[in-house]
Amino acid sequence: EAIKSALSLPQLQVLYIDIQDDFSTPTSEFLSVAEPPLREGYAKELRYFAFGDGTTYEYLREEGSFSDTPSLVGYIPGTVLLHEKMYDWVETAV
């Protein structure tokens, strides 16, 4: 119910869920709970579903489902910022 309430925000582009304290619930379960309201028209601007462990899934509106694999776009917790993960090797090499 909390996910559906969050999805009722009209301009929501990223939904961030910190599941670090709840290891028993897999991310796929959160995604499956979010898909029906999104198909019903909730959160028409939503593009990404981000998790506290750093994984981000893109919502593919035309298919009505989330990407099967994590996206290369990451979410910076506590902000409204996204970043490309494809260049993370630059940070680790320095």
PDB file of N, CA and C in Angstrom:
ATOM      1  N   GLU A   1       0.825  -1.201   0.000  1.00  0.00           N
ATOM      2  CA  GLU A   1       0.000   0.000   0.000  1.00  0.00           C
ATOM      3  C   GLU A   1       0.865   1.260   0.000  1.00  0.00           C
ATOM      4  N   ALA A   2       2.003   1.208   0.688  1.00  0.00           N
ATOM      5  CA  ALA A   2       2.892   2.376   0.741  1.00  0.00           C
ATOM      6  C   ALA A   2       3.459   2.690  -0.637  1.00  0.00           C
ATOM      7  N   ILE A   3       3.762   1.656  -1.404  1.00  0.00           N
ATOM      8  CA  ILE A   3       4.296   1.878  -2.752  1.00  0.00           C
ATOM      9  C   ILE A   3       3.239   2.546  -3.622  1.00  0.00           C
ATOM     10  N   LYS A   4       2.002   2.077  -3.536  1.00  0.00           N
ATOM     11  CA  LYS A   4       0.922   2.667  -4.333  1.00  0.00           C
ATOM     12  C   LYS A   4       0.706   4.127  -3.943  1.00  0.00           C
ATOM     13  N   SER A   5       0.812   4.434  -2.659  1.00  0.00           N
ATOM     14  CA  SER A   5       0.673   5.823  -2.209  1.00  0.00           C
ATOM     15  C   SER A   5       1.776   6.696  -2.791  1.00  0.00           C
ATOM     16  N   ALA A   6       3.006   6.189  -2.781  1.00  0.00           N
ATOM     17  CA  ALA A   6       4.121   6.953  -3.353  1.00  0.00           C
ATOM     18  C   ALA A   6       3.929   7.154  -4.847  1.00  0.00           C
ATOM     19  N   LEU A   7       3.404   6.148  -5.525  1.00  0.00           N
ATOM     20  CA  LEU A   7       3.194   6.238  -6.969  1.00  0.00           C
ATOM     21  C   LEU A   7       2.073   7.203  -7.337  1.00  0.00           C
ATOM     22  N   SER A   8       1.304   7.658  -6.357  1.00  0.00           N
ATOM     23  CA  SER A   8       0.238   8.619  -6.648  1.00  0.00           C
ATOM     24  C   SER A   8       0.777  10.043  -6.811  1.00  0.00           C
ATOM     25  N   LEU A   9       2.060  10.259  -6.521  1.00  0.00           N
ATOM     26  CA  LEU A   9       2.670  11.577  -6.732  1.00  0.00           C
ATOM     27  C   LEU A   9       2.835  11.796  -8.230  1.00  0.00           C
ATOM     28  N   PRO A  10       2.206  12.824  -8.794  1.00  0.00           N
ATOM     29  CA  PRO A  10       2.138  12.966 -10.252  1.00  0.00           C
ATOM     30  C   PRO A  10       3.468  13.205 -10.957  1.00  0.00           C
ATOM     31  N   GLN A  11       4.422  13.875 -10.327  1.00  0.00           N
ATOM     32  CA  GLN A  11       5.690  14.200 -10.989  1.00  0.00           C
ATOM     33  C   GLN A  11       6.839  13.273 -10.597  1.00  0.00           C
ATOM     34  N   LEU A  12       6.541  12.188  -9.906  1.00  0.00           N
ATOM     35  CA  LEU A  12       7.568  11.261  -9.431  1.00  0.00           C
ATOM     36  C   LEU A  12       8.330  10.647 -10.600  1.00  0.00           C
ATOM     37  N   GLN A  13       9.659  10.790 -10.588  1.00  0.00           N
ATOM     38  CA  GLN A  13      10.484  10.210 -11.648  1.00  0.00           C
ATOM     39  C   GLN A  13      11.330   9.047 -11.155  1.00  0.00           C
ATOM     40  N   VAL A  14      11.677   9.068  -9.853  1.00  0.00           N
ATOM     41  CA  VAL A  14      12.466   7.989  -9.256  1.00  0.00           C
ATOM     42  C   VAL A  14      11.826   7.615  -7.932  1.00  0.00           C
ATOM     43  N   LEU A  15      11.585   6.327  -7.728  1.00  0.00           N
ATOM     44  CA  LEU A  15      11.108   5.853  -6.434  1.00  0.00           C
ATOM     45  C   LEU A  15      12.264   5.108  -5.783  1.00  0.00           C
ATOM     46  N   TYR A  16      12.702   5.593  -4.622  1.00  0.00           N
ATOM     47  CA  TYR A  16      13.846   5.016  -3.913  1.00  0.00           C
ATOM     48  C   TYR A  16      13.355   4.237  -2.709  1.00  0.00           C
ATOM     49  N   ILE A  17      13.785   2.980  -2.602  1.00  0.00           N
ATOM     50  CA  ILE A  17      13.413   2.148  -1.463  1.00  0.00           C
ATOM     51  C   ILE A  17      14.689   1.624  -0.824  1.00  0.00           C
ATOM     52  N   ASP A  18      14.865   1.922   0.451  1.00  0.00           N
ATOM     53  CA  ASP A  18      16.036   1.441   1.177  1.00  0.00           C
ATOM     54  C   ASP A  18      15.652   0.149   1.884  1.00  0.00           C
ATOM     55  N   ILE A  19      16.104  -0.968   1.350  1.00  0.00           N
ATOM     56  CA  ILE A  19      15.742  -2.270   1.927  1.00  0.00           C
ATOM     57  C   ILE A  19      16.911  -2.893   2.670  1.00  0.00           C
ATOM     58  N   GLN A  20      17.892  -2.110   3.057  1.00  0.00           N
ATOM     59  CA  GLN A  20      19.069  -2.646   3.733  1.00  0.00           C
ATOM     60  C   GLN A  20      18.721  -3.333   5.045  1.00  0.00           C
ATOM     61  N   ASP A  21      17.684  -2.897   5.715  1.00  0.00           N
ATOM     62  CA  ASP A  21      17.303  -3.499   6.988  1.00  0.00           C
ATOM     63  C   ASP A  21      16.399  -4.711   6.823  1.00  0.00           C
ATOM     64  N   ASP A  22      15.924  -4.974   5.615  1.00  0.00           N
ATOM     65  CA  ASP A  22      14.995  -6.076   5.382  1.00  0.00           C
ATOM     66  C   ASP A  22      15.543  -6.976   4.278  1.00  0.00           C
ATOM     67  N   PHE A  23      16.445  -7.870   4.641  1.00  0.00           N
ATOM     68  CA  PHE A  23      17.076  -8.743   3.653  1.00  0.00           C
ATOM     69  C   PHE A  23      16.152  -9.861   3.184  1.00  0.00           C
ATOM     70  N   SER A  24      15.014 -10.050   3.835  1.00  0.00           N
ATOM     71  CA  SER A  24      14.133 -11.162   3.494  1.00  0.00           C
ATOM     72  C   SER A  24      13.282 -10.898   2.256  1.00  0.00           C
ATOM     73  N   THR A  25      13.107  -9.654   1.868  1.00  0.00           N
ATOM     74  CA  THR A  25      12.268  -9.328   0.716  1.00  0.00           C
ATOM     75  C   THR A  25      13.145  -9.032  -0.495  1.00  0.00           C
ATOM     76  N   PRO A  26      13.056  -9.850  -1.547  1.00  0.00           N
ATOM     77  CA  PRO A  26      13.872  -9.594  -2.742  1.00  0.00           C
ATOM     78  C   PRO A  26      13.368  -8.376  -3.519  1.00  0.00           C
ATOM     79  N   THR A  27      14.270  -7.737  -4.252  1.00  0.00           N
ATOM     80  CA  THR A  27      13.896  -6.554  -5.031  1.00  0.00           C
ATOM     81  C   THR A  27      12.816  -6.883  -6.048  1.00  0.00           C
ATOM     82  N   SER A  28      12.831  -8.101  -6.576  1.00  0.00           N
ATOM     83  CA  SER A  28      11.826  -8.483  -7.578  1.00  0.00           C
ATOM     84  C   SER A  28      10.413  -8.400  -7.017  1.00  0.00           C
ATOM     85  N   GLU A  29      10.262  -8.636  -5.725  1.00  0.00           N
ATOM     86  CA  GLU A  29       8.930  -8.547  -5.110  1.00  0.00           C
ATOM     87  C   GLU A  29       8.441  -7.095  -5.081  1.00  0.00           C
ATOM     88  N   PHE A  30       9.331  -6.166  -4.778  1.00  0.00           N
ATOM     89  CA  PHE A  30       8.961  -4.748  -4.800  1.00  0.00           C
ATOM     90  C   PHE A  30       8.570  -4.319  -6.212  1.00  0.00           C
ATOM     91  N   LEU A  31       9.327  -4.786  -7.198  1.00  0.00           N
ATOM     92  CA  LEU A  31       9.023  -4.437  -8.589  1.00  0.00           C
ATOM     93  C   LEU A  31       7.664  -4.989  -9.005  1.00  0.00           C
ATOM     94  N   SER A  32       7.369  -6.221  -8.599  1.00  0.00           N
ATOM     95  CA  SER A  32       6.087  -6.824  -8.987  1.00  0.00           C
ATOM     96  C   SER A  32       4.906  -6.135  -8.307  1.00  0.00           C
ATOM     97  N   VAL A  33       5.120  -5.574  -7.123  1.00  0.00           N
ATOM     98  CA  VAL A  33       4.059  -4.824  -6.436  1.00  0.00           C
ATOM     99  C   VAL A  33       3.818  -3.489  -7.136  1.00  0.00           C
ATOM    100  N   ALA A  34       4.868  -2.889  -7.684  1.00  0.00           N
ATOM    101  CA  ALA A  34       4.751  -1.575  -8.321  1.00  0.00           C
ATOM    102  C   ALA A  34       4.166  -1.644  -9.730  1.00  0.00           C
ATOM    103  N   GLU A  35       4.350  -2.755 -10.425  1.00  0.00           N
ATOM    104  CA  GLU A  35       3.914  -2.823 -11.826  1.00  0.00           C
ATOM    105  C   GLU A  35       2.411  -2.631 -12.044  1.00  0.00           C
ATOM    106  N   PRO A  36       1.520  -3.279 -11.286  1.00  0.00           N
ATOM    107  CA  PRO A  36       0.079  -3.078 -11.547  1.00  0.00           C
ATOM    108  C   PRO A  36      -0.388  -1.624 -11.442  1.00  0.00           C
ATOM    109  N   PRO A  37      -0.022  -0.875 -10.381  1.00  0.00           N
ATOM    110  CA  PRO A  37      -0.456   0.529 -10.347  1.00  0.00           C
ATOM    111  C   PRO A  37       0.120   1.350 -11.500  1.00  0.00           C
ATOM    112  N   LEU A  38       1.345   1.043 -11.900  1.00  0.00           N
ATOM    113  CA  LEU A  38       1.941   1.773 -13.022  1.00  0.00           C
ATOM    114  C   LEU A  38       1.175   1.497 -14.311  1.00  0.00           C
ATOM    115  N   ARG A  39       0.753   0.263 -14.501  1.00  0.00           N
ATOM    116  CA  ARG A  39      -0.053  -0.077 -15.686  1.00  0.00           C
ATOM    117  C   ARG A  39      -1.413   0.612 -15.644  1.00  0.00           C
ATOM    118  N   GLU A  40      -1.919   0.866 -14.425  1.00  0.00           N
ATOM    119  CA  GLU A  40      -3.213   1.546 -14.265  1.00  0.00           C
ATOM    120  C   GLU A  40      -3.110   3.052 -14.504  1.00  0.00           C
ATOM    121  N   GLY A  41      -1.895   3.576 -14.655  1.00  0.00           N
ATOM    122  CA  GLY A  41      -1.732   4.998 -14.936  1.00  0.00           C
ATOM    123  C   GLY A  41      -1.133   5.824 -13.820  1.00  0.00           C
ATOM    124  N   TYR A  42      -0.773   5.193 -12.723  1.00  0.00           N
ATOM    125  CA  TYR A  42      -0.113   5.924 -11.643  1.00  0.00           C
ATOM    126  C   TYR A  42       1.279   6.350 -12.103  1.00  0.00           C
ATOM    127  N   ALA A  43       1.787   7.431 -11.525  1.00  0.00           N
ATOM    128  CA  ALA A  43       3.168   7.909 -11.724  1.00  0.00           C
ATOM    129  C   ALA A  43       3.582   7.889 -13.194  1.00  0.00           C
ATOM    130  N   LYS A  44       2.878   8.660 -13.985  1.00  0.00           N
ATOM    131  CA  LYS A  44       3.137   8.673 -15.433  1.00  0.00           C
ATOM    132  C   LYS A  44       4.535   9.157 -15.795  1.00  0.00           C
ATOM    133  N   GLU A  45       5.200   9.836 -14.874  1.00  0.00           N
ATOM    134  CA  GLU A  45       6.555  10.341 -15.123  1.00  0.00           C
ATOM    135  C   GLU A  45       7.643   9.409 -14.589  1.00  0.00           C
ATOM    136  N   LEU A  46       7.260   8.336 -13.881  1.00  0.00           N
ATOM    137  CA  LEU A  46       8.257   7.456 -13.267  1.00  0.00           C
ATOM    138  C   LEU A  46       9.132   6.797 -14.320  1.00  0.00           C
ATOM    139  N   ARG A  47      10.440   6.871 -14.104  1.00  0.00           N
ATOM    140  CA  ARG A  47      11.390   6.250 -15.028  1.00  0.00           C
ATOM    141  C   ARG A  47      12.231   5.185 -14.342  1.00  0.00           C
ATOM    142  N   TYR A  48      12.505   5.370 -13.040  1.00  0.00           N
ATOM    143  CA  TYR A  48      13.420   4.458 -12.350  1.00  0.00           C
ATOM    144  C   TYR A  48      12.904   4.068 -10.973  1.00  0.00           C
ATOM    145  N   PHE A  49      13.244   2.856 -10.582  1.00  0.00           N
ATOM    146  CA  PHE A  49      12.955   2.317  -9.264  1.00  0.00           C
ATOM    147  C   PHE A  49      14.314   1.974  -8.669  1.00  0.00           C
ATOM    148  N   ALA A  50      14.744   2.713  -7.652  1.00  0.00           N
ATOM    149  CA  ALA A  50      16.087   2.557  -7.091  1.00  0.00           C
ATOM    150  C   ALA A  50      16.019   1.924  -5.705  1.00  0.00           C
ATOM    151  N   PHE A  51      17.054   1.146  -5.402  1.00  0.00           N
ATOM    152  CA  PHE A  51      17.124   0.455  -4.116  1.00  0.00           C
ATOM    153  C   PHE A  51      18.368   0.883  -3.348  1.00  0.00           C
ATOM    154  N   GLY A  52      18.327   0.711  -2.032  1.00  0.00           N
ATOM    155  CA  GLY A  52      19.419   1.111  -1.158  1.00  0.00           C
ATOM    156  C   GLY A  52      20.734   0.421  -1.433  1.00  0.00           C
ATOM    157  N   ASP A  53      20.698  -0.744  -2.065  1.00  0.00           N
ATOM    158  CA  ASP A  53      21.951  -1.448  -2.362  1.00  0.00           C
ATOM    159  C   ASP A  53      22.629  -0.911  -3.619  1.00  0.00           C
ATOM    160  N   GLY A  54      22.033   0.106  -4.243  1.00  0.00           N
ATOM    161  CA  GLY A  54      22.642   0.724  -5.414  1.00  0.00           C
ATOM    162  C   GLY A  54      22.070   0.283  -6.747  1.00  0.00           C
ATOM    163  N   THR A  55      21.235  -0.744  -6.753  1.00  0.00           N
ATOM    164  CA  THR A  55      20.653  -1.182  -8.022  1.00  0.00           C
ATOM    165  C   THR A  55      19.471  -0.298  -8.396  1.00  0.00           C
ATOM    166  N   THR A  56      19.345  -0.053  -9.672  1.00  0.00           N
ATOM    167  CA  THR A  56      18.276   0.774 -10.216  1.00  0.00           C
ATOM    168  C   THR A  56      17.682   0.055 -11.415  1.00  0.00           C
ATOM    169  N   TYR A  57      16.363  -0.010 -11.469  1.00  0.00           N
ATOM    170  CA  TYR A  57      15.677  -0.636 -12.596  1.00  0.00           C
ATOM    171  C   TYR A  57      14.884   0.420 -13.345  1.00  0.00           C
ATOM    172  N   GLU A  58      14.952   0.366 -14.655  1.00  0.00           N
ATOM    173  CA  GLU A  58      14.217   1.314 -15.490  1.00  0.00           C
ATOM    174  C   GLU A  58      12.821   0.768 -15.753  1.00  0.00           C
ATOM    175  N   TYR A  59      11.821   1.644 -15.669  1.00  0.00           N
ATOM    176  CA  TYR A  59      10.459   1.229 -15.998  1.00  0.00           C
ATOM    177  C   TYR A  59      10.245   1.431 -17.488  1.00  0.00           C
ATOM    178  N   LEU A  60       9.938   0.358 -18.176  1.00  0.00           N
ATOM    179  CA  LEU A  60       9.711   0.384 -19.622  1.00  0.00           C
ATOM    180  C   LEU A  60       8.216   0.535 -19.849  1.00  0.00           C
ATOM    181  N   ARG A  61       7.786   1.764 -19.988  1.00  0.00           N
ATOM    182  CA  ARG A  61       6.357   2.077 -20.041  1.00  0.00           C
ATOM    183  C   ARG A  61       5.639   1.364 -21.183  1.00  0.00           C
ATOM    184  N   GLU A  62       6.263   1.264 -22.340  1.00  0.00           N
ATOM    185  CA  GLU A  62       5.601   0.616 -23.482  1.00  0.00           C
ATOM    186  C   GLU A  62       5.336  -0.862 -23.220  1.00  0.00           C
ATOM    187  N   GLU A  63       6.247  -1.520 -22.480  1.00  0.00           N
ATOM    188  CA  GLU A  63       6.037  -2.932 -22.144  1.00  0.00           C
ATOM    189  C   GLU A  63       5.218  -3.109 -20.869  1.00  0.00           C
ATOM    190  N   GLY A  64       5.143  -2.059 -20.056  1.00  0.00           N
ATOM    191  CA  GLY A  64       4.406  -2.147 -18.797  1.00  0.00           C
ATOM    192  C   GLY A  64       5.128  -2.967 -17.750  1.00  0.00           C
ATOM    193  N   SER A  65       6.473  -2.961 -17.818  1.00  0.00           N
ATOM    194  CA  SER A  65       7.255  -3.727 -16.850  1.00  0.00           C
ATOM    195  C   SER A  65       8.617  -3.068 -16.644  1.00  0.00           C
ATOM    196  N   PHE A  66       9.332  -3.562 -15.648  1.00  0.00           N
ATOM    197  CA  PHE A  66      10.670  -3.061 -15.374  1.00  0.00           C
ATOM    198  C   PHE A  66      11.692  -3.838 -16.189  1.00  0.00           C
ATOM    199  N   SER A  67      12.852  -3.224 -16.397  1.00  0.00           N
ATOM    200  CA  SER A  67      13.931  -3.900 -17.114  1.00  0.00           C
ATOM    201  C   SER A  67      14.313  -5.171 -16.359  1.00  0.00           C
ATOM    202  N   ASP A  68      14.743  -6.176 -17.106  1.00  0.00           N
ATOM    203  CA  ASP A  68      15.121  -7.450 -16.489  1.00  0.00           C
ATOM    204  C   ASP A  68      16.438  -7.362 -15.722  1.00  0.00           C
ATOM    205  N   THR A  69      17.296  -6.464 -16.137  1.00  0.00           N
ATOM    206  CA  THR A  69      18.594  -6.303 -15.487  1.00  0.00           C
ATOM    207  C   THR A  69      18.708  -4.890 -14.931  1.00  0.00           C
ATOM    208  N   PRO A  70      19.555  -4.708 -13.921  1.00  0.00           N
ATOM    209  CA  PRO A  70      19.736  -3.356 -13.378  1.00  0.00           C
ATOM    210  C   PRO A  70      20.211  -2.382 -14.446  1.00  0.00           C
ATOM    211  N   SER A  71      19.787  -1.154 -14.314  1.00  0.00           N
ATOM    212  CA  SER A  71      20.124  -0.092 -15.256  1.00  0.00           C
ATOM    213  C   SER A  71      21.531   0.440 -14.996  1.00  0.00           C
ATOM    214  N   LEU A  72      22.128   1.048 -16.014  1.00  0.00           N
ATOM    215  CA  LEU A  72      23.424   1.703 -15.840  1.00  0.00           C
ATOM    216  C   LEU A  72      23.276   3.073 -15.193  1.00  0.00           C
ATOM    217  N   VAL A  73      22.052   3.484 -14.960  1.00  0.00           N
ATOM    218  CA  VAL A  73      21.799   4.750 -14.273  1.00  0.00           C
ATOM    219  C   VAL A  73      21.644   4.448 -12.795  1.00  0.00           C
ATOM    220  N   GLY A  74      22.375   5.172 -11.972  1.00  0.00           N
ATOM    221  CA  GLY A  74      22.283   4.983 -10.534  1.00  0.00           C
ATOM    222  C   GLY A  74      21.633   6.184  -9.880  1.00  0.00           C
ATOM    223  N   TYR A  75      21.109   5.986  -8.694  1.00  0.00           N
ATOM    224  CA  TYR A  75      20.460   7.058  -7.945  1.00  0.00           C
ATOM    225  C   TYR A  75      21.353   7.436  -6.774  1.00  0.00           C
ATOM    226  N   ILE A  76      21.515   8.717  -6.523  1.00  0.00           N
ATOM    227  CA  ILE A  76      22.298   9.193  -5.391  1.00  0.00           C
ATOM    228  C   ILE A  76      21.326   9.451  -4.243  1.00  0.00           C
ATOM    229  N   PRO A  77      21.313   8.568  -3.218  1.00  0.00           N
ATOM    230  CA  PRO A  77      20.352   8.685  -2.117  1.00  0.00           C
ATOM    231  C   PRO A  77      20.373  10.053  -1.450  1.00  0.00           C
ATOM    232  N   GLY A  78      19.191  10.512  -1.055  1.00  0.00           N
ATOM    233  CA  GLY A  78      19.051  11.791  -0.380  1.00  0.00           C
ATOM    234  C   GLY A  78      19.064  12.985  -1.312  1.00  0.00           C
ATOM    235  N   THR A  79      19.025  12.732  -2.619  1.00  0.00           N
ATOM    236  CA  THR A  79      19.055  13.818  -3.597  1.00  0.00           C
ATOM    237  C   THR A  79      17.987  13.568  -4.653  1.00  0.00           C
ATOM    238  N   VAL A  80      17.978  14.403  -5.645  1.00  0.00           N
ATOM    239  CA  VAL A  80      17.124  14.176  -6.815  1.00  0.00           C
ATOM    240  C   VAL A  80      18.005  13.872  -8.022  1.00  0.00           C
ATOM    241  N   LEU A  81      19.235  13.407  -7.760  1.00  0.00           N
ATOM    242  CA  LEU A  81      20.222  13.221  -8.818  1.00  0.00           C
ATOM    243  C   LEU A  81      20.360  11.774  -9.271  1.00  0.00           C
ATOM    244  N   LEU A  82      20.607  11.621 -10.551  1.00  0.00           N
ATOM    245  CA  LEU A  82      20.932  10.327 -11.140  1.00  0.00           C
ATOM    246  C   LEU A  82      22.338  10.452 -11.714  1.00  0.00           C
ATOM    247  N   HIS A  83      23.040   9.334 -11.824  1.00  0.00           N
ATOM    248  CA  HIS A  83      24.359   9.373 -12.450  1.00  0.00           C
ATOM    249  C   HIS A  83      24.553   8.116 -13.287  1.00  0.00           C
ATOM    250  N   GLU A  84      25.381   8.231 -14.322  1.00  0.00           N
ATOM    251  CA  GLU A  84      25.690   7.085 -15.174  1.00  0.00           C
ATOM    252  C   GLU A  84      26.714   6.221 -14.470  1.00  0.00           C
ATOM    253  N   LYS A  85      26.439   4.933 -14.338  1.00  0.00           N
ATOM    254  CA  LYS A  85      27.364   4.026 -13.687  1.00  0.00           C
ATOM    255  C   LYS A  85      28.439   3.513 -14.635  1.00  0.00           C
ATOM    256  N   MET A  86      28.291   3.757 -15.903  1.00  0.00           N
ATOM    257  CA  MET A  86      29.221   3.177 -16.860  1.00  0.00           C
ATOM    258  C   MET A  86      30.643   3.717 -16.710  1.00  0.00           C
ATOM    259  N   TYR A  87      30.832   4.826 -16.020  1.00  0.00           N
ATOM    260  CA  TYR A  87      32.166   5.388 -15.854  1.00  0.00           C
ATOM    261  C   TYR A  87      32.692   5.233 -14.431  1.00  0.00           C
ATOM    262  N   ASP A  88      32.135   4.330 -13.647  1.00  0.00           N
ATOM    263  CA  ASP A  88      32.606   4.109 -12.283  1.00  0.00           C
ATOM    264  C   ASP A  88      34.057   3.655 -12.239  1.00  0.00           C
ATOM    265  N   TRP A  89      34.538   3.020 -13.295  1.00  0.00           N
ATOM    266  CA  TRP A  89      35.924   2.549 -13.311  1.00  0.00           C
ATOM    267  C   TRP A  89      36.897   3.714 -13.188  1.00  0.00           C
ATOM    268  N   VAL A  90      36.495   4.904 -13.610  1.00  0.00           N
ATOM    269  CA  VAL A  90      37.364   6.077 -13.499  1.00  0.00           C
ATOM    270  C   VAL A  90      37.598   6.399 -12.031  1.00  0.00           C
ATOM    271  N   GLU A  91      36.549   6.323 -11.218  1.00  0.00           N
ATOM    272  CA  GLU A  91      36.678   6.618  -9.797  1.00  0.00           C
ATOM    273  C   GLU A  91      37.574   5.605  -9.098  1.00  0.00           C
ATOM    274  N   THR A  92      37.468   4.329  -9.456  1.00  0.00           N
ATOM    275  CA  THR A  92      38.244   3.299  -8.779  1.00  0.00           C
ATOM    276  C   THR A  92      39.691   3.281  -9.235  1.00  0.00           C
ATOM    277  N   ALA A  93      39.979   3.787 -10.422  1.00  0.00           N
ATOM    278  CA  ALA A  93      41.344   3.794 -10.935  1.00  0.00           C
ATOM    279  C   ALA A  93      42.165   4.940 -10.362  1.00  0.00           C
ATOM    280  N   VAL A  94      41.503   5.957  -9.866  1.00  0.00           N
ATOM    281  CA  VAL A  94      42.213   7.145  -9.366  1.00  0.00           C
ATOM    282  C   VAL A  94      42.661   6.931  -7.943  1.00  0.00           C
TER     283      VAL A  94
END
